[in-house]
Every structure is written in structure tokens, then in C-alpha cells.
Amino acid sequence: MVQKNSKWNLTKERGEEIAHRYILEILHDSKGNKILLSDLIILLNQRTKHITIKHHSKKKNMSIYIKSIYGSFINFLDSFSMYGVLYLKNDIYALLNDKELSFNNLTKDIISENKEWVLVDEEEFFLV
């Protein structure tokens, strides 16, 4: 029986922190806080190439790490409420939902706060 072994030199928390920091930076630098997903992946890999990311002692880039942990880059973005994924014609865009969120003030609490979507039932609140 073959065991699936995931030997990354980064913990999931540290990998998320690095990914969020650079994705937020890229989205803040882009026009309208929106960018083509393919461009985001390219820029993320370029901006994180100085970080040593290894899987079974082989150097990998950040997008490979995200795909390995989350299944796809879109799954990663969908896992956090601070990002949005927009499908326009044949293009897929990544966008920043929380424009006040900055890569400078990113903490583990903010990441975990944005990790889960909160669904509000209209019976739970009153319209004023």
C-alpha cells in the first residue's frame, strides 16, 4: 500500500501567511483591486521566488504549494472571504473583497477571521 506523504518545509499556517501577504500586495497594486488569475499566479511566483519552498527536498514555487494543499488556486481563494473569483466570458479574475485589508496589517487572527464564510438568515436581523 502506497502512503501519500506531504513533506513540505512550510507548515500550512506559514504557507497561508506568505501566500496572503503577497496576494494582498499584488491585488492592492492592481487596478481596481482585480487581476487575471493567470497574472496573479505569475506575479505570486515571481515575488516569492526568494522564499525557499521545498517538497521532498525539491524546490517548488508558491503556486505549486497552494495547488498541493488546496487542490487548486481557485479553491484557495474561495476558502477566504477576503477574496473573490469573478468569471467574465473566458477569463477568470481574482479580486479583493475587503479593500481596507492590507498586507502590512495582516495577522493570524485576520486570516482565521476571513477563513470561514458567515451566512446570515434574513430572520436573524431587522431592517432599519
N, C-alpha and C. Protein backbone atom coordinates (compact mmCIF):
# COMPACT_ATOMS: atom_id res chain seq x y z
N MET A 1 0.84 -1.18 0.00
CA MET A 1 0.00 0.00 0.00
C MET A 1 0.88 1.24 0.00
N VAL A 2 0.59 2.17 -0.88
CA VAL A 2 1.37 3.39 -1.00
C VAL A 2 0.78 4.45 -0.09
N GLN A 3 1.65 5.10 0.67
CA GLN A 3 1.20 6.19 1.53
C GLN A 3 1.42 7.51 0.83
N LYS A 4 0.43 8.38 0.94
CA LYS A 4 0.58 9.73 0.40
C LYS A 4 1.30 10.55 1.47
N ASN A 5 2.47 11.03 1.14
CA ASN A 5 3.28 11.75 2.11
C ASN A 5 3.47 13.18 1.63
N SER A 6 3.15 14.12 2.46
CA SER A 6 3.25 15.52 2.08
C SER A 6 4.35 16.17 2.91
N LYS A 7 5.56 16.10 2.45
CA LYS A 7 6.69 16.64 3.18
C LYS A 7 7.11 17.99 2.62
N TRP A 8 6.45 19.02 3.11
CA TRP A 8 6.79 20.39 2.75
C TRP A 8 7.65 20.98 3.86
N ASN A 9 8.51 21.91 3.52
CA ASN A 9 9.32 22.56 4.55
C ASN A 9 8.55 23.70 5.23
N LEU A 10 7.33 23.98 4.77
CA LEU A 10 6.47 25.00 5.36
C LEU A 10 5.28 24.34 6.03
N THR A 11 4.87 24.90 7.16
CA THR A 11 3.61 24.45 7.74
C THR A 11 2.48 25.08 6.94
N LYS A 12 1.28 24.56 7.09
CA LYS A 12 0.13 25.11 6.37
C LYS A 12 -0.10 26.56 6.79
N GLU A 13 0.05 26.86 8.07
CA GLU A 13 -0.17 28.23 8.57
C GLU A 13 0.85 29.19 7.99
N ARG A 14 2.12 28.78 7.97
CA ARG A 14 3.18 29.66 7.44
C ARG A 14 3.00 29.84 5.93
N GLY A 15 2.63 28.79 5.23
CA GLY A 15 2.39 28.90 3.79
C GLY A 15 1.23 29.83 3.48
N GLU A 16 0.14 29.72 4.27
CA GLU A 16 -1.00 30.64 4.10
C GLU A 16 -0.60 32.08 4.35
N GLU A 17 0.17 32.29 5.40
CA GLU A 17 0.60 33.65 5.75
C GLU A 17 1.40 34.28 4.62
N ILE A 18 2.34 33.52 4.07
CA ILE A 18 3.16 34.03 2.95
C ILE A 18 2.28 34.29 1.73
N ALA A 19 1.41 33.34 1.40
CA ALA A 19 0.54 33.49 0.23
C ALA A 19 -0.35 34.72 0.38
N HIS A 20 -0.99 34.88 1.54
CA HIS A 20 -1.87 36.03 1.75
C HIS A 20 -1.11 37.35 1.64
N ARG A 21 0.04 37.41 2.26
CA ARG A 21 0.83 38.65 2.25
C ARG A 21 1.10 39.11 0.81
N TYR A 22 1.54 38.19 -0.03
CA TYR A 22 1.89 38.56 -1.40
C TYR A 22 0.66 38.72 -2.30
N ILE A 23 -0.36 37.91 -2.10
CA ILE A 23 -1.58 38.08 -2.89
C ILE A 23 -2.23 39.43 -2.59
N LEU A 24 -2.29 39.80 -1.32
CA LEU A 24 -2.85 41.11 -0.96
C LEU A 24 -2.04 42.24 -1.57
N GLU A 25 -0.73 42.11 -1.53
CA GLU A 25 0.15 43.13 -2.12
C GLU A 25 -0.12 43.27 -3.62
N ILE A 26 -0.23 42.15 -4.31
CA ILE A 26 -0.47 42.16 -5.76
C ILE A 26 -1.84 42.77 -6.06
N LEU A 27 -2.87 42.37 -5.32
CA LEU A 27 -4.21 42.89 -5.57
C LEU A 27 -4.30 44.38 -5.26
N HIS A 28 -3.59 44.85 -4.22
CA HIS A 28 -3.58 46.29 -3.93
C HIS A 28 -2.88 47.08 -5.04
N ASP A 29 -1.87 46.48 -5.65
CA ASP A 29 -1.13 47.15 -6.72
C ASP A 29 -1.88 47.14 -8.04
N SER A 30 -2.83 46.25 -8.20
CA SER A 30 -3.55 46.13 -9.47
C SER A 30 -4.70 47.13 -9.54
N LYS A 31 -5.07 47.47 -10.76
CA LYS A 31 -6.14 48.44 -10.99
C LYS A 31 -7.48 47.87 -10.55
N GLY A 32 -8.17 48.58 -9.69
CA GLY A 32 -9.48 48.16 -9.22
C GLY A 32 -9.44 46.96 -8.30
N ASN A 33 -8.27 46.67 -7.75
CA ASN A 33 -8.09 45.50 -6.87
C ASN A 33 -8.58 44.22 -7.53
N LYS A 34 -8.36 44.13 -8.86
CA LYS A 34 -8.79 42.97 -9.65
C LYS A 34 -7.69 42.63 -10.64
N ILE A 35 -7.44 41.34 -10.82
CA ILE A 35 -6.38 40.91 -11.73
C ILE A 35 -6.75 39.55 -12.32
N LEU A 36 -6.31 39.29 -13.54
CA LEU A 36 -6.49 37.97 -14.15
C LEU A 36 -5.82 36.93 -13.27
N LEU A 37 -6.47 35.81 -13.09
CA LEU A 37 -5.93 34.77 -12.23
C LEU A 37 -4.56 34.30 -12.72
N SER A 38 -4.41 34.15 -14.02
CA SER A 38 -3.11 33.71 -14.56
C SER A 38 -2.01 34.71 -14.26
N ASP A 39 -2.33 36.02 -14.32
CA ASP A 39 -1.35 37.05 -13.99
C ASP A 39 -1.02 37.04 -12.50
N LEU A 40 -2.03 36.80 -11.68
CA LEU A 40 -1.81 36.72 -10.24
C LEU A 40 -0.85 35.58 -9.90
N ILE A 41 -1.03 34.44 -10.51
CA ILE A 41 -0.17 33.29 -10.25
C ILE A 41 1.26 33.58 -10.68
N ILE A 42 1.42 34.19 -11.85
CA ILE A 42 2.76 34.53 -12.34
C ILE A 42 3.44 35.51 -11.39
N LEU A 43 2.73 36.58 -11.01
CA LEU A 43 3.31 37.58 -10.11
C LEU A 43 3.61 36.99 -8.73
N LEU A 44 2.74 36.12 -8.24
CA LEU A 44 2.97 35.49 -6.94
C LEU A 44 4.24 34.65 -6.99
N ASN A 45 4.41 33.88 -8.04
CA ASN A 45 5.62 33.06 -8.17
C ASN A 45 6.87 33.92 -8.28
N GLN A 46 6.78 35.04 -9.00
CA GLN A 46 7.93 35.93 -9.14
C GLN A 46 8.29 36.60 -7.81
N ARG A 47 7.27 37.04 -7.07
CA ARG A 47 7.53 37.76 -5.82
C ARG A 47 7.92 36.85 -4.67
N THR A 48 7.67 35.56 -4.79
CA THR A 48 8.04 34.63 -3.72
C THR A 48 9.21 33.73 -4.10
N LYS A 49 9.88 34.02 -5.20
CA LYS A 49 10.97 33.13 -5.63
C LYS A 49 12.17 33.18 -4.68
N HIS A 50 12.26 34.22 -3.86
CA HIS A 50 13.35 34.30 -2.89
C HIS A 50 13.08 33.43 -1.65
N ILE A 51 11.86 32.95 -1.50
CA ILE A 51 11.49 32.10 -0.37
C ILE A 51 11.74 30.64 -0.76
N THR A 52 12.42 29.92 0.10
CA THR A 52 12.72 28.52 -0.17
C THR A 52 11.50 27.67 0.19
N ILE A 53 10.88 27.12 -0.83
CA ILE A 53 9.74 26.23 -0.67
C ILE A 53 10.14 24.88 -1.25
N LYS A 54 10.18 23.88 -0.39
CA LYS A 54 10.64 22.56 -0.84
C LYS A 54 9.61 21.49 -0.52
N HIS A 55 9.51 20.55 -1.44
CA HIS A 55 8.68 19.36 -1.26
C HIS A 55 9.56 18.16 -1.55
N HIS A 56 9.77 17.31 -0.56
CA HIS A 56 10.69 16.18 -0.67
C HIS A 56 12.06 16.64 -1.16
N SER A 57 12.55 17.72 -0.58
CA SER A 57 13.88 18.29 -0.87
C SER A 57 14.03 18.85 -2.27
N LYS A 58 12.92 19.03 -3.01
CA LYS A 58 12.99 19.63 -4.34
C LYS A 58 12.33 21.00 -4.29
N LYS A 59 13.00 21.99 -4.86
CA LYS A 59 12.49 23.36 -4.84
C LYS A 59 11.22 23.49 -5.68
N LYS A 60 10.21 24.10 -5.09
CA LYS A 60 8.92 24.33 -5.77
C LYS A 60 8.56 25.80 -5.62
N ASN A 61 7.56 26.25 -6.40
CA ASN A 61 7.12 27.64 -6.27
C ASN A 61 5.82 27.69 -5.45
N MET A 62 5.39 28.91 -5.13
CA MET A 62 4.23 29.09 -4.25
C MET A 62 2.96 28.55 -4.87
N SER A 63 2.77 28.68 -6.18
CA SER A 63 1.54 28.19 -6.79
C SER A 63 1.45 26.66 -6.72
N ILE A 64 2.56 25.96 -6.82
CA ILE A 64 2.58 24.50 -6.67
C ILE A 64 2.21 24.13 -5.24
N TYR A 65 2.73 24.89 -4.27
CA TYR A 65 2.41 24.65 -2.86
C TYR A 65 0.90 24.81 -2.63
N ILE A 66 0.33 25.90 -3.13
CA ILE A 66 -1.10 26.16 -2.95
C ILE A 66 -1.93 25.08 -3.62
N LYS A 67 -1.55 24.69 -4.83
CA LYS A 67 -2.30 23.64 -5.54
C LYS A 67 -2.22 22.31 -4.80
N SER A 68 -1.07 22.01 -4.22
CA SER A 68 -0.91 20.76 -3.49
C SER A 68 -1.75 20.74 -2.21
N ILE A 69 -1.80 21.85 -1.49
CA ILE A 69 -2.51 21.90 -0.22
C ILE A 69 -4.02 22.07 -0.42
N TYR A 70 -4.45 22.92 -1.36
CA TYR A 70 -5.86 23.25 -1.53
C TYR A 70 -6.52 22.61 -2.75
N GLY A 71 -5.76 21.97 -3.61
CA GLY A 71 -6.34 21.33 -4.79
C GLY A 71 -6.29 22.21 -6.01
N SER A 72 -6.50 23.51 -5.84
CA SER A 72 -6.38 24.47 -6.94
C SER A 72 -6.27 25.87 -6.35
N PHE A 73 -5.82 26.78 -7.18
CA PHE A 73 -5.68 28.17 -6.74
C PHE A 73 -7.06 28.77 -6.46
N ILE A 74 -8.04 28.41 -7.26
CA ILE A 74 -9.41 28.92 -7.06
C ILE A 74 -9.97 28.42 -5.73
N ASN A 75 -9.71 27.17 -5.38
CA ASN A 75 -10.14 26.66 -4.08
C ASN A 75 -9.52 27.45 -2.93
N PHE A 76 -8.25 27.81 -3.09
CA PHE A 76 -7.59 28.62 -2.06
C PHE A 76 -8.29 29.96 -1.91
N LEU A 77 -8.53 30.65 -3.02
CA LEU A 77 -9.19 31.96 -2.96
C LEU A 77 -10.60 31.84 -2.41
N ASP A 78 -11.32 30.80 -2.79
CA ASP A 78 -12.69 30.59 -2.31
C ASP A 78 -12.75 30.25 -0.83
N SER A 79 -11.65 29.79 -0.27
CA SER A 79 -11.62 29.42 1.15
C SER A 79 -11.60 30.64 2.07
N PHE A 80 -11.37 31.82 1.51
CA PHE A 80 -11.25 33.03 2.33
C PHE A 80 -12.20 34.09 1.80
N SER A 81 -12.95 34.70 2.71
CA SER A 81 -13.97 35.67 2.31
C SER A 81 -13.36 37.00 1.86
N MET A 82 -12.09 37.22 2.09
CA MET A 82 -11.47 38.48 1.67
C MET A 82 -11.21 38.52 0.17
N TYR A 83 -11.27 37.34 -0.49
CA TYR A 83 -11.05 37.26 -1.94
C TYR A 83 -12.34 36.89 -2.64
N GLY A 84 -12.38 37.23 -3.91
CA GLY A 84 -13.48 36.82 -4.75
C GLY A 84 -12.94 36.28 -6.06
N VAL A 85 -13.70 35.44 -6.69
CA VAL A 85 -13.35 34.91 -8.00
C VAL A 85 -14.47 35.32 -8.94
N LEU A 86 -14.08 35.96 -10.04
CA LEU A 86 -15.04 36.51 -10.98
C LEU A 86 -14.81 35.87 -12.34
N TYR A 87 -15.87 35.33 -12.92
CA TYR A 87 -15.79 34.70 -14.24
C TYR A 87 -16.43 35.66 -15.24
N LEU A 88 -15.62 36.20 -16.15
CA LEU A 88 -16.11 37.09 -17.22
C LEU A 88 -15.72 36.50 -18.57
N LYS A 89 -16.72 36.13 -19.34
CA LYS A 89 -16.51 35.50 -20.64
C LYS A 89 -15.58 34.30 -20.47
N ASN A 90 -14.40 34.35 -21.07
CA ASN A 90 -13.46 33.23 -20.97
C ASN A 90 -12.35 33.49 -19.96
N ASP A 91 -12.46 34.58 -19.21
CA ASP A 91 -11.42 34.95 -18.27
C ASP A 91 -11.86 34.74 -16.83
N ILE A 92 -10.89 34.43 -15.98
CA ILE A 92 -11.13 34.30 -14.54
C ILE A 92 -10.30 35.36 -13.84
N TYR A 93 -10.97 36.16 -13.02
CA TYR A 93 -10.31 37.23 -12.28
C TYR A 93 -10.32 36.92 -10.79
N ALA A 94 -9.27 37.35 -10.12
CA ALA A 94 -9.24 37.33 -8.66
C ALA A 94 -9.43 38.76 -8.21
N LEU A 95 -10.24 38.96 -7.18
CA LEU A 95 -10.46 40.32 -6.70
C LEU A 95 -10.44 40.35 -5.19
N LEU A 96 -10.20 41.53 -4.67
CA LEU A 96 -10.13 41.74 -3.23
C LEU A 96 -11.47 42.28 -2.77
N ASN A 97 -12.15 41.53 -1.89
CA ASN A 97 -13.45 41.96 -1.37
C ASN A 97 -13.31 43.01 -0.29
N ASP A 98 -12.29 42.89 0.54
CA ASP A 98 -12.08 43.82 1.64
C ASP A 98 -10.97 44.78 1.27
N LYS A 99 -11.33 45.94 0.75
CA LYS A 99 -10.35 46.89 0.24
C LYS A 99 -9.53 47.55 1.35
N GLU A 100 -10.02 47.50 2.58
CA GLU A 100 -9.29 48.09 3.70
C GLU A 100 -8.23 47.15 4.26
N LEU A 101 -8.32 45.88 3.91
CA LEU A 101 -7.35 44.90 4.38
C LEU A 101 -6.04 45.13 3.66
N SER A 102 -4.95 45.19 4.41
CA SER A 102 -3.65 45.47 3.84
C SER A 102 -2.67 44.38 4.21
N PHE A 103 -1.67 44.17 3.36
CA PHE A 103 -0.64 43.18 3.65
C PHE A 103 0.24 43.62 4.80
N ASN A 104 0.20 44.93 5.13
CA ASN A 104 1.00 45.44 6.25
C ASN A 104 0.39 45.10 7.60
N ASN A 105 -0.94 45.02 7.68
CA ASN A 105 -1.59 44.76 8.97
C ASN A 105 -2.18 43.35 9.05
N LEU A 106 -1.67 42.44 8.24
CA LEU A 106 -2.17 41.07 8.21
C LEU A 106 -1.67 40.30 9.42
N THR A 107 -2.60 39.69 10.15
CA THR A 107 -2.25 38.87 11.31
C THR A 107 -2.94 37.52 11.18
N LYS A 108 -2.54 36.59 12.04
CA LYS A 108 -3.16 35.26 12.02
C LYS A 108 -4.64 35.35 12.39
N ASP A 109 -4.99 36.30 13.27
CA ASP A 109 -6.39 36.47 13.65
C ASP A 109 -7.23 36.92 12.45
N ILE A 110 -6.70 37.83 11.66
CA ILE A 110 -7.42 38.32 10.48
C ILE A 110 -7.59 37.19 9.47
N ILE A 111 -6.55 36.39 9.28
CA ILE A 111 -6.62 35.26 8.35
C ILE A 111 -7.69 34.28 8.80
N SER A 112 -7.68 33.91 10.09
CA SER A 112 -8.67 32.94 10.56
C SER A 112 -10.07 33.53 10.56
N GLU A 113 -10.19 34.83 10.78
CA GLU A 113 -11.50 35.50 10.74
C GLU A 113 -12.10 35.46 9.34
N ASN A 114 -11.25 35.57 8.32
CA ASN A 114 -11.71 35.56 6.93
C ASN A 114 -11.74 34.16 6.32
N LYS A 115 -11.39 33.16 7.11
CA LYS A 115 -11.33 31.80 6.57
C LYS A 115 -12.70 31.18 6.38
N GLU A 116 -13.65 31.60 7.16
CA GLU A 116 -14.97 30.99 7.06
C GLU A 116 -15.99 32.02 6.61
N TRP A 117 -16.87 31.58 5.74
CA TRP A 117 -17.96 32.42 5.30
C TRP A 117 -19.05 32.40 6.36
N VAL A 118 -19.69 33.52 6.57
CA VAL A 118 -20.79 33.60 7.51
C VAL A 118 -22.06 33.84 6.72
N LEU A 119 -23.01 32.92 6.82
CA LEU A 119 -24.28 33.06 6.13
C LEU A 119 -25.28 33.65 7.10
N VAL A 120 -25.96 34.70 6.66
CA VAL A 120 -26.92 35.39 7.52
C VAL A 120 -28.32 35.10 6.99
N ASP A 121 -29.15 34.63 7.87
CA ASP A 121 -30.54 34.38 7.54
C ASP A 121 -31.30 35.68 7.76
N GLU A 122 -32.17 36.05 6.84
CA GLU A 122 -32.85 37.34 6.97
C GLU A 122 -33.75 37.41 8.20
N GLU A 123 -34.08 36.27 8.78
CA GLU A 123 -34.88 36.28 10.01
C GLU A 123 -34.06 36.67 11.22
N GLU A 124 -32.73 36.65 11.08
CA GLU A 124 -31.84 36.92 12.20
C GLU A 124 -31.57 38.41 12.42
N PHE A 125 -31.99 39.26 11.53
CA PHE A 125 -31.72 40.68 11.73
C PHE A 125 -32.92 41.49 11.29
N PHE A 126 -32.95 42.75 11.75
CA PHE A 126 -34.05 43.66 11.42
C PHE A 126 -33.53 44.73 10.48
N LEU A 127 -34.33 45.09 9.50
CA LEU A 127 -34.01 46.20 8.62
C LEU A 127 -34.49 47.49 9.25
N VAL A 128 -33.62 48.46 9.31
CA VAL A 128 -33.96 49.72 9.94
C VAL A 128 -34.21 50.77 8.89
